[in-house]
Protein backbone atom coordinates (compact mmCIF):
# COMPACT_ATOMS: atom_id res chain seq x y z
CA MET A 1 12.18 -8.56 8.59
CA ARG A 2 11.49 -6.59 5.40
CA ARG A 3 15.23 -6.37 4.78
CA LYS A 4 15.33 -10.18 4.82
CA LEU A 5 12.57 -10.36 2.24
CA LEU A 6 14.31 -7.78 0.07
CA SER A 7 17.61 -9.65 0.17
CA LYS A 8 18.72 -11.79 -2.75
CA GLY A 9 20.52 -13.94 -0.20
CA PHE A 10 17.18 -14.79 1.40
CA VAL A 11 15.86 -16.11 -1.90
CA LYS A 12 18.99 -18.21 -2.38
CA ALA A 13 18.58 -19.56 1.15
CA ALA A 14 14.95 -20.39 0.41
CA LYS A 15 16.01 -22.64 -2.44
CA ARG A 16 18.38 -24.50 -0.12
CA ASN A 17 16.10 -24.63 2.93
CA PRO A 18 12.42 -23.95 2.13
CA ALA A 19 11.30 -24.78 5.69
CA ALA A 20 13.51 -22.08 7.22
CA ALA A 21 12.43 -19.57 4.59
CA LEU A 22 8.79 -20.39 5.26
CA HIS A 23 9.34 -19.68 8.96
CA VAL A 24 10.65 -16.20 8.14
CA LEU A 25 7.79 -15.61 5.74
CA LEU A 26 5.22 -16.55 8.36
CA ASP A 27 6.77 -14.00 10.73
CA PHE A 28 6.17 -11.37 8.05
CA TYR A 29 2.67 -12.64 7.24
CA PRO A 30 1.34 -13.66 10.69
CA LEU A 31 -0.87 -16.73 10.91
CA PRO A 32 -4.58 -16.12 11.57
CA THR A 33 -5.59 -16.36 15.22
CA ARG A 34 -9.39 -16.09 14.94
CA CYS A 35 -11.88 -18.17 12.98
CA ALA A 36 -13.47 -16.28 10.09
CA ALA A 37 -16.69 -18.25 10.57
CA CYS A 38 -17.37 -17.72 14.28
CA GLY A 39 -14.51 -15.67 15.70
CA GLY A 40 -13.26 -18.50 17.90
CA GLN A 41 -9.62 -19.14 18.79
CA LEU A 42 -7.60 -21.06 16.18
CA ASN A 43 -5.18 -23.70 17.43
CA LYS A 44 -2.53 -25.79 15.71
CA GLN A 45 -3.98 -28.98 14.25
CA GLY A 46 -1.64 -31.35 12.48
CA ARG A 47 1.27 -30.28 10.32
CA ASN A 48 -0.27 -27.68 8.03
CA SER A 49 -3.65 -26.69 9.44
CA LEU A 50 -5.42 -24.85 12.25
CA ARG A 51 -8.70 -25.76 13.98
CA CYS A 52 -11.26 -23.49 15.62
CA GLN A 53 -11.79 -24.55 19.24
CA ASP A 54 -15.45 -23.45 19.07
CA CYS A 55 -16.91 -24.58 15.74
CA GLN A 56 -14.17 -27.13 14.93
CA THR A 57 -13.63 -25.65 11.46
CA ASN A 58 -10.26 -26.51 9.92
CA VAL A 59 -8.35 -23.85 7.96
CA ALA A 60 -5.05 -23.95 6.13
CA GLU A 61 -2.08 -22.74 8.13
CA LEU A 62 -1.17 -20.29 5.35
CA THR A 63 -4.60 -18.61 5.35
CA GLY A 64 -4.08 -14.86 5.04
CA THR A 65 -0.48 -15.16 3.89
CA ALA A 66 0.96 -14.58 0.44
CA LEU A 67 1.24 -18.32 -0.04
CA HIS A 68 -2.37 -19.31 0.63
CA ASN A 69 -3.64 -21.45 -2.29
CA SER A 70 -0.57 -20.51 -4.32
CA THR A 71 0.43 -22.95 -7.05
CA LEU A 72 3.87 -21.39 -7.53
CA PRO A 73 7.02 -22.92 -5.99
CA LEU A 74 8.14 -21.27 -2.75
CA ALA A 75 11.39 -19.93 -4.21
CA THR A 76 9.51 -18.44 -7.19
CA THR A 77 7.01 -16.72 -4.88
CA LEU A 78 9.76 -15.32 -2.68
CA GLU A 79 11.70 -14.00 -5.66
CA GLY A 80 8.54 -12.38 -7.00
CA MET A 81 7.87 -10.81 -3.61
CA ARG A 82 11.41 -9.45 -3.48
CA ARG A 83 11.02 -7.88 -6.91
CA LEU A 84 7.62 -6.36 -6.14
CA ALA A 85 8.94 -5.01 -2.83
CA GLN A 86 11.49 -2.98 -4.80
CA LYS A 87 9.53 -1.76 -7.83
CA ASN A 88 6.27 -2.13 -9.70
CA GLU A 89 7.33 -4.94 -11.99
CA THR A 90 5.24 -5.35 -15.13
CA LEU A 91 3.53 -8.65 -15.88
CA ALA A 92 5.91 -9.11 -18.81
CA ASP A 93 8.92 -8.66 -16.52
CA LEU A 94 7.57 -11.17 -14.00
CA ARG A 95 6.79 -13.72 -16.72
CA ARG A 96 10.25 -13.41 -18.17
CA GLU A 97 12.29 -13.30 -14.95
CA LEU A 98 10.31 -15.91 -13.01
CA SER A 99 9.36 -18.18 -15.92
CA VAL A 100 5.70 -18.14 -14.91
CA SER A 101 2.47 -17.84 -16.89
CA ASN A 102 0.56 -14.60 -17.25
CA GLN A 103 -1.98 -15.90 -14.72
CA GLY A 104 0.82 -16.74 -12.29
CA ALA A 105 2.25 -13.21 -12.61
CA GLN A 106 -1.18 -11.64 -12.11
CA ASP A 107 -1.82 -13.80 -9.05
CA LEU A 108 1.51 -12.86 -7.52
CA LYS A 109 0.92 -9.13 -7.98
CA ALA A 110 -2.59 -9.44 -6.54
CA ARG A 111 -1.24 -11.25 -3.47
CA VAL A 112 1.43 -8.64 -2.79
CA ARG A 113 -0.97 -5.74 -3.33
CA GLY A 114 -3.55 -7.38 -1.12
CA TYR A 115 -1.03 -7.74 1.67
CA CYS A 116 0.03 -4.09 1.31
CA ALA A 117 -3.60 -2.95 1.54
CA SER A 118 -4.14 -5.07 4.65
CA ALA A 119 -0.93 -3.93 6.35
CA GLN A 120 -1.64 -0.27 5.59
CA ASN A 121 -4.84 -0.42 7.68
CA ASP A 122 -2.67 -0.16 10.80
CA GLU A 123 -0.21 2.44 9.45
CA MET A 124 0.00 5.60 11.58
CA LEU A 125 1.84 8.84 10.78
CA ASP A 126 2.82 11.51 13.29
CA GLY A 127 4.61 14.84 13.52
CA THR A 128 3.75 17.08 10.59
CA VAL A 129 1.59 15.24 8.06
CA GLU A 130 0.59 16.70 4.71
CA VAL A 131 -2.69 15.57 3.14
CA ASP A 132 -3.84 15.99 -0.44
CA GLU A 133 -5.97 14.07 -2.91
CA MET A 134 -5.57 12.88 -6.49
CA LEU A 135 -8.83 12.72 -8.44
CA LEU A 136 -9.09 9.95 -11.02
CA HIS A 137 -11.50 11.89 -13.22
CA ALA A 138 -12.02 15.55 -13.96
CA GLY A 139 -14.68 17.05 -11.75
CA ALA A 140 -15.38 18.94 -8.56
CA LYS A 141 -13.93 17.80 -5.28
CA GLY A 142 -16.28 16.49 -2.62
CA ARG A 143 -18.72 14.78 -4.93
CA ALA A 144 -18.92 11.08 -5.77
CA ASN A 145 -15.65 11.24 -7.69
CA PRO A 146 -13.11 8.42 -7.06
CA ALA A 147 -9.82 9.62 -5.68
CA VAL A 148 -6.71 8.53 -3.86
CA VAL A 149 -6.02 10.46 -0.67
CA VAL A 150 -2.31 10.71 0.12
CA LEU A 151 -1.04 11.39 3.63
CA ALA A 152 2.69 12.08 3.59
CA THR A 153 5.65 13.00 5.75
CA LYS A 154 9.19 13.45 4.50
CA GLU A 155 9.90 9.74 4.76
CA LYS A 156 6.59 7.88 4.58
CA ALA A 157 3.23 7.91 2.85
CA VAL A 158 -0.18 6.30 3.13
CA ALA A 159 -2.43 6.17 0.07
CA VAL A 160 -6.10 5.23 0.37
CA ALA A 161 -8.67 4.91 -2.42
CA VAL A 162 -11.96 6.65 -1.61
CA ALA A 163 -15.28 7.00 -3.41
CA ASP A 164 -15.55 10.72 -2.63
CA THR A 165 -13.69 13.56 -0.90
CA ARG A 166 -16.45 14.81 1.34
CA GLN A 167 -15.62 16.21 4.76
CA ALA A 168 -16.79 13.11 6.64
CA THR A 169 -14.66 10.84 4.43
CA LEU A 170 -11.48 12.91 4.77
CA GLY A 171 -11.92 13.44 8.50
CA ALA A 172 -12.36 9.73 9.19
CA LEU A 173 -9.31 8.91 7.06
CA ILE A 174 -7.11 11.39 8.91
CA GLN A 175 -8.25 10.02 12.26
CA LYS A 176 -7.44 6.49 11.14
CA HIS A 177 -3.91 7.21 9.94
CA VAL A 178 -2.62 10.28 11.84
CA THR A 179 -1.74 10.21 15.54
CA ALA A 180 -3.79 12.62 17.64
CA GLY A 181 -1.93 15.83 18.46
CA SER A 182 -0.01 15.86 15.16
CA THR A 183 0.03 18.81 12.79
CA VAL A 184 -2.06 18.25 9.65
CA VAL A 185 -1.23 20.45 6.68
CA THR A 186 -3.74 20.71 3.82
CA ASP A 187 -4.85 23.10 1.12
CA ALA A 188 -7.91 25.31 1.60
CA PHE A 189 -10.41 22.75 0.25
CA SER A 190 -13.58 22.83 2.36
CA GLY A 191 -13.46 19.04 2.77
CA TYR A 192 -10.76 19.58 5.39
CA ASN A 193 -12.89 21.94 7.47
CA GLY A 194 -13.21 20.60 10.98
CA VAL A 195 -9.87 18.77 11.07
CA GLY A 196 -8.81 21.03 13.92
CA ALA A 197 -11.80 19.87 15.95
CA LEU A 198 -10.63 16.25 15.65
CA GLY A 199 -7.62 16.81 17.91
CA TYR A 200 -5.05 18.07 15.39
CA ALA A 201 -3.22 21.33 14.80
CA HIS A 202 -4.62 22.16 11.37
CA ASN A 203 -2.77 24.41 8.94
CA ALA A 204 -4.93 25.13 5.89
CA ALA A 205 -3.45 28.35 4.55
CA LYS A 206 -3.93 28.94 0.83
CA THR A 207 -0.19 29.46 0.44
CA ASN A 208 0.68 25.93 1.61
CA ARG A 209 2.97 24.24 -0.87
CA LEU A 210 2.49 20.70 0.45
CA ALA A 211 5.92 19.75 -0.87
CA HIS A 212 5.92 16.21 0.53
CA ALA A 213 2.33 15.41 -0.47
CA HIS A 214 2.82 16.79 -3.97
CA ALA A 215 6.05 14.83 -4.43
CA ALA A 216 4.25 11.68 -3.29
CA ILE A 217 1.30 12.27 -5.63
CA SER A 218 3.67 12.86 -8.54
CA SER A 219 5.28 9.49 -7.79
CA LEU A 220 1.84 7.85 -7.55
CA ARG A 221 0.84 9.25 -10.94
CA LYS A 222 3.95 7.70 -12.46
CA TYR A 223 3.09 4.37 -10.81
CA LEU A 224 -0.36 4.44 -12.42
CA GLN A 225 0.82 5.89 -15.73
CA GLY A 226 -0.23 3.83 -18.72
CA ASN A 227 -2.75 1.84 -16.68
CA ASN A 228 -6.02 2.22 -18.56
CA ARG A 229 -7.94 0.42 -15.80
CA GLN A 230 -6.74 2.48 -12.87
CA GLU A 231 -9.86 1.93 -10.78
CA LEU A 232 -9.60 -1.87 -10.96
CA GLY A 233 -8.03 -3.01 -7.71
CA LEU A 234 -7.19 0.60 -6.88
CA ALA A 235 -6.95 0.02 -3.12
CA GLY A 236 -4.21 -2.58 -3.61
CA LYS A 237 -2.37 -0.51 -6.21
CA ALA A 238 -2.38 2.58 -4.00
CA ALA A 239 -1.19 0.60 -0.96
CA HIS A 240 1.55 -1.14 -2.98
CA TRP A 241 2.75 2.23 -4.25
CA ALA A 242 2.76 3.56 -0.65
CA PHE A 243 4.84 0.55 0.47
CA LEU A 244 7.37 1.18 -2.32
CA TYR A 245 7.46 4.91 -1.60
CA SER A 246 7.86 4.51 2.16
CA HIS A 247 10.60 1.90 1.73
CA ARG A 248 12.36 3.45 -1.26
CA LYS A 249 15.63 3.92 0.66
CA LEU A 250 15.53 0.33 1.91
CA SER A 251 14.88 -0.87 -1.64
CA GLU A 252 17.82 1.14 -2.95
CA GLY A 253 20.04 -0.44 -0.30
CA ALA A 254 18.83 -3.93 -1.22
CA LYS A 255 19.69 -3.38 -4.87
CA ALA A 256 23.26 -2.74 -3.84
CA ASP A 257 23.49 -5.98 -1.84
């Protein structure tokens, strides 16, 4: 499915047949199934809406997708998604290539980053997973110091913004994104104490090089380079970077299409 979204041919097809393109897009961004107001089951109601069978609330069919409340044409949105699925396009690039306003470019980036953050919630890594953190400000680890925790294998990465790097925070994050029984490799920071008790084989030797985690963090730093407001929307930025990093080979293949 992601290959379809990365394909220039998909964008061309969207211009010819928006309905078919929308069907593919909705497969990638699943429709909501539960009412946000009461938790009831949502059922199809009319052409473009859903209705809760309990409280009878109507919601737009595109709720939760990248197109919800979008004012941009479908083909423009799809082209913007394709570009942002390959690299971190600047607002200037999006304005120029898509012929949209600055607000339109900002909205598109926010939608894509929001989706990446939502999708990453279910991302699981297994095998040997390296974990390290990138502090946003100088200061001691463990305290209330914003950071991005990166969990990386050779091929994939998960990046999560956290308010601190205390033991409870790091342990919960590892449990959420690493399959039980995997090997977790970290440095000797005390915040990782107790990882072994969570059901993982924990390697915390001081000599660990964390090659994959360090390579991922170096890439993340480049992604955020020049951004003077790094903390603004950091969860979406980190997740978007992780999507790009984990799909870098797919993106390279798409560029050659």
